């Protein structure tokens, strides 16, 4: 994937860094929620 924004700005902006950080946090949170939900289901049985 080519990011054309870097043509005029080679240094990644703070906004882009925050987006990457948010994506990582979001995926980790989703995994955590899934694991929590799964463990709750196992305890019910």
Protein backbone atom coordinates (compact mmCIF):
# COMPACT_ATOMS: atom_id res chain seq x y z
CA UNK A 1 0.00 0.00 0.00
CA UNK A 2 1.43 3.35 -1.06
CA UNK A 3 0.85 6.27 1.26
CA UNK A 4 0.91 9.41 -0.88
CA UNK A 5 0.87 11.67 2.16
CA UNK A 6 4.55 10.92 2.71
CA UNK A 7 5.46 12.47 -0.64
CA UNK A 8 5.54 15.94 0.90
CA UNK A 9 6.08 14.89 4.51
CA UNK A 10 8.55 12.05 5.08
CA UNK A 11 8.22 12.23 8.86
CA UNK A 12 5.09 10.46 10.17
CA UNK A 13 2.71 12.89 11.79
CA UNK A 14 1.52 12.59 15.38
CA UNK A 15 -1.94 11.89 14.00
CA UNK A 16 -0.70 8.86 12.07
CA UNK A 17 1.16 7.56 15.11
CA UNK A 18 -1.98 7.93 17.21
CA UNK A 19 -3.99 6.00 14.61
CA UNK A 20 -1.50 3.12 14.69
CA UNK A 21 -1.53 3.19 18.50
CA UNK A 22 -5.33 3.22 18.54
CA UNK A 23 -5.48 0.25 16.16
CA UNK A 24 -3.18 -1.78 18.43
CA UNK A 25 -5.14 -0.85 21.56
CA UNK A 26 -8.43 -1.62 19.83
CA UNK A 27 -7.32 -5.08 18.70
CA UNK A 28 -5.93 -5.90 22.16
CA UNK A 29 -9.15 -4.71 23.78
CA UNK A 30 -11.22 -6.85 21.42
CA UNK A 31 -9.13 -9.92 22.27
CA UNK A 32 -9.41 -9.15 25.99
CA UNK A 33 -13.18 -8.78 25.76
CA UNK A 34 -13.46 -12.03 23.82
CA UNK A 35 -11.33 -13.91 26.37
CA UNK A 36 -13.34 -12.45 29.24
CA UNK A 37 -16.64 -13.35 27.59
CA UNK A 38 -15.40 -16.86 26.84
CA UNK A 39 -14.24 -17.46 30.42
CA UNK A 40 -17.60 -16.24 31.74
CA UNK A 41 -19.41 -18.68 29.47
CA UNK A 42 -17.25 -21.56 30.69
CA UNK A 43 -17.98 -20.73 34.32
CA UNK A 44 -21.74 -20.78 33.70
CA UNK A 45 -21.70 -24.38 32.48
